[in-house]
C-alpha atoms as a PDB file:
ATOM      1  CA  MET A   1     283.725 163.396 -54.600  1.00  0.00           C
ATOM      2  CA  VAL A   2     281.687 163.212 -57.821  1.00  0.00           C
ATOM      3  CA  ARG A   3     284.870 162.696 -59.819  1.00  0.00           C
ATOM      4  CA  GLU A   4     285.956 159.835 -57.515  1.00  0.00           C
ATOM      5  CA  GLU A   5     282.549 158.165 -57.888  1.00  0.00           C
ATOM      6  CA  ALA A   6     282.762 158.478 -61.672  1.00  0.00           C
ATOM      7  CA  ARG A   7     286.243 156.931 -61.623  1.00  0.00           C
ATOM      8  CA  ARG A   8     285.011 153.959 -59.551  1.00  0.00           C
ATOM      9  CA  HIS A   9     282.010 153.502 -61.830  1.00  0.00           C
ATOM     10  CA  ASP A  10     284.266 153.567 -64.902  1.00  0.00           C
ATOM     11  CA  ALA A  11     286.633 151.016 -63.331  1.00  0.00           C
ATOM     12  CA  ALA A  12     283.725 148.668 -62.578  1.00  0.00           C
ATOM     13  CA  ARG A  13     282.333 149.103 -66.073  1.00  0.00           C
ATOM     14  CA  ARG A  14     285.754 148.417 -67.614  1.00  0.00           C
ATOM     15  CA  ASP A  15     286.091 145.237 -65.530  1.00  0.00           C
ATOM     16  CA  ALA A  16     282.695 144.078 -66.783  1.00  0.00           C
ATOM     17  CA  TRP A  17     283.641 144.880 -70.382  1.00  0.00           C
ATOM     18  CA  TRP A  18     286.932 142.957 -70.080  1.00  0.00           C
ATOM     19  CA  GLY A  19     284.895 140.012 -68.788  1.00  0.00           C
ATOM     20  CA  ARG A  20     282.636 140.292 -71.824  1.00  0.00           C
ATOM     21  CA  ALA A  21     285.698 140.407 -74.097  1.00  0.00           C
ATOM     22  CA  ARG A  22     286.978 137.183 -72.528  1.00  0.00           C
ATOM     23  CA  GLU A  23     283.571 135.571 -73.044  1.00  0.00           C
ATOM     24  CA  ALA A  24     283.648 136.675 -76.680  1.00  0.00           C
ATOM     25  CA  ALA A  25     286.757 134.546 -77.123  1.00  0.00           C
ATOM     26  CA  LEU A  26     284.174 131.887 -78.044  1.00  0.00           C
ATOM     27  CA  LEU A  27     284.855 133.196 -81.525  1.00  0.00           C
ATOM     28  CA  ARG A  28     288.025 131.144 -81.558  1.00  0.00           C
ATOM     29  CA  GLU A  29     286.340 127.888 -80.724  1.00  0.00           C
ATOM     30  CA  ARG A  30     283.011 128.256 -82.488  1.00  0.00           C
ATOM     31  CA  PHE A  31     283.966 130.151 -85.612  1.00  0.00           C
ATOM     32  CA  GLY A  32     287.562 129.071 -86.250  1.00  0.00           C
ATOM     33  CA  VAL A  33     289.074 132.442 -85.419  1.00  0.00           C
ATOM     34  CA  GLN A  34     292.831 132.333 -84.894  1.00  0.00           C
ATOM     35  CA  ARG A  35     293.190 135.450 -82.746  1.00  0.00           C
ATOM     36  CA  VAL A  36     290.980 138.010 -80.971  1.00  0.00           C
ATOM     37  CA  VAL A  37     292.341 141.446 -79.993  1.00  0.00           C
ATOM     38  CA  VAL A  38     290.559 144.284 -78.165  1.00  0.00           C
ATOM     39  CA  LEU A  39     290.840 147.678 -79.841  1.00  0.00           C
ATOM     40  CA  GLY A  40     289.199 151.061 -79.397  1.00  0.00           C
ATOM     41  CA  ASP A  41     287.335 152.550 -76.441  1.00  0.00           C
ATOM     42  CA  LEU A  42     288.207 149.863 -73.882  1.00  0.00           C
ATOM     43  CA  VAL A  43     291.961 150.268 -74.302  1.00  0.00           C
ATOM     44  CA  ARG A  44     291.916 154.071 -74.354  1.00  0.00           C
ATOM     45  CA  PRO A  45     292.568 155.957 -71.109  1.00  0.00           C
ATOM     46  CA  GLU A  46     289.463 158.140 -71.459  1.00  0.00           C
ATOM     47  CA  PRO A  47     286.357 157.131 -69.478  1.00  0.00           C
ATOM     48  CA  LEU A  48     283.787 154.983 -71.245  1.00  0.00           C
ATOM     49  CA  HIS A  49     280.673 156.896 -72.287  1.00  0.00           C
ATOM     50  CA  PHE A  50     277.200 156.168 -73.644  1.00  0.00           C
ATOM     51  CA  SER A  51     278.402 155.672 -77.226  1.00  0.00           C
ATOM     52  CA  SER A  52     281.463 153.552 -76.358  1.00  0.00           C
ATOM     53  CA  LYS A  53     281.772 150.148 -78.017  1.00  0.00           C
ATOM     54  CA  LEU A  54     283.727 147.004 -77.335  1.00  0.00           C
ATOM     55  CA  THR A  55     285.703 146.529 -80.561  1.00  0.00           C
ATOM     56  CA  LEU A  56     287.130 143.093 -81.266  1.00  0.00           C
ATOM     57  CA  VAL A  57     289.568 142.587 -84.114  1.00  0.00           C
ATOM     58  CA  VAL A  58     289.703 139.002 -85.300  1.00  0.00           C
ATOM     59  CA  ALA A  59     292.182 137.172 -87.493  1.00  0.00           C
ATOM     60  CA  GLY A  60     291.112 134.153 -89.501  1.00  0.00           C
ATOM     61  CA  LEU A  61     287.372 134.803 -89.627  1.00  0.00           C
ATOM     62  CA  ALA A  62     286.177 133.635 -93.023  1.00  0.00           C
ATOM     63  CA  GLY A  63     283.253 136.040 -93.084  1.00  0.00           C
ATOM     64  CA  TYR A  64     280.541 137.624 -91.017  1.00  0.00           C
ATOM     65  CA  SER A  65     277.509 135.508 -90.316  1.00  0.00           C
ATOM     66  CA  TYR A  66     274.143 135.666 -88.629  1.00  0.00           C
ATOM     67  CA  GLU A  67     275.334 132.941 -86.238  1.00  0.00           C
ATOM     68  CA  LEU A  68     278.301 135.071 -85.159  1.00  0.00           C
ATOM     69  CA  TYR A  69     276.132 138.057 -84.246  1.00  0.00           C
ATOM     70  CA  THR A  70     273.548 135.823 -82.586  1.00  0.00           C
ATOM     71  CA  ALA A  71     276.297 134.319 -80.400  1.00  0.00           C
ATOM     72  CA  LEU A  72     277.547 137.783 -79.436  1.00  0.00           C
ATOM     73  CA  ARG A  73     274.019 139.002 -78.668  1.00  0.00           C
ATOM     74  CA  GLU A  74     273.543 136.016 -76.368  1.00  0.00           C
ATOM     75  CA  LEU A  75     276.361 137.424 -74.213  1.00  0.00           C
ATOM     76  CA  GLY A  76     274.137 140.401 -73.359  1.00  0.00           C
ATOM     77  CA  SER A  77     273.299 143.839 -74.659  1.00  0.00           C
ATOM     78  CA  GLU A  78     275.966 145.776 -72.730  1.00  0.00           C
ATOM     79  CA  PRO A  79     278.375 146.634 -74.205  1.00  0.00           C
ATOM     80  CA  ASP A  80     277.693 147.022 -77.887  1.00  0.00           C
ATOM     81  CA  ILE A  81     280.215 144.665 -79.541  1.00  0.00           C
ATOM     82  CA  GLU A  82     281.736 145.523 -82.903  1.00  0.00           C
ATOM     83  CA  VAL A  83     283.671 142.814 -84.765  1.00  0.00           C
ATOM     84  CA  ARG A  84     286.275 143.875 -87.311  1.00  0.00           C
ATOM     85  CA  ARG A  85     288.287 141.499 -89.450  1.00  0.00           C
ATOM     86  CA  ARG A  86     292.011 142.193 -89.292  1.00  0.00           C
ATOM     87  CA  GLU A  87     292.177 142.011 -93.061  1.00  0.00           C
ATOM     88  CA  GLU A  88     289.811 145.004 -93.272  1.00  0.00           C
ATOM     89  CA  LEU A  89     291.843 147.353 -91.074  1.00  0.00           C
ATOM     90  CA  SER A  90     293.861 150.158 -92.539  1.00  0.00           C
ATOM     91  CA  PRO A  91     297.628 150.132 -91.812  1.00  0.00           C
ATOM     92  CA  ARG A  92     297.050 153.003 -89.341  1.00  0.00           C
ATOM     93  CA  GLN A  93     294.560 150.909 -87.338  1.00  0.00           C
ATOM     94  CA  GLU A  94     296.809 147.860 -86.994  1.00  0.00           C
END
């Protein structure tokens, strides 16, 4: 029963995180990003945990800015959102 409850909680948390990822698509409009892809904890089959992050890989972002992180913070504090530029990924991460 505890395992079933944990599975339901994880499913609800994942749904909320996917909603946050869709909201973060504002990167495209506001910051001229060409593409946003979710990578990392959210797409792995393991349950999310206290140190999980929502990792967004963006293509076409000229550079990181205070305005970018302010916009992401305005979406809320959960989950912690990490932005990675596609150009900075290693071939193994792509």
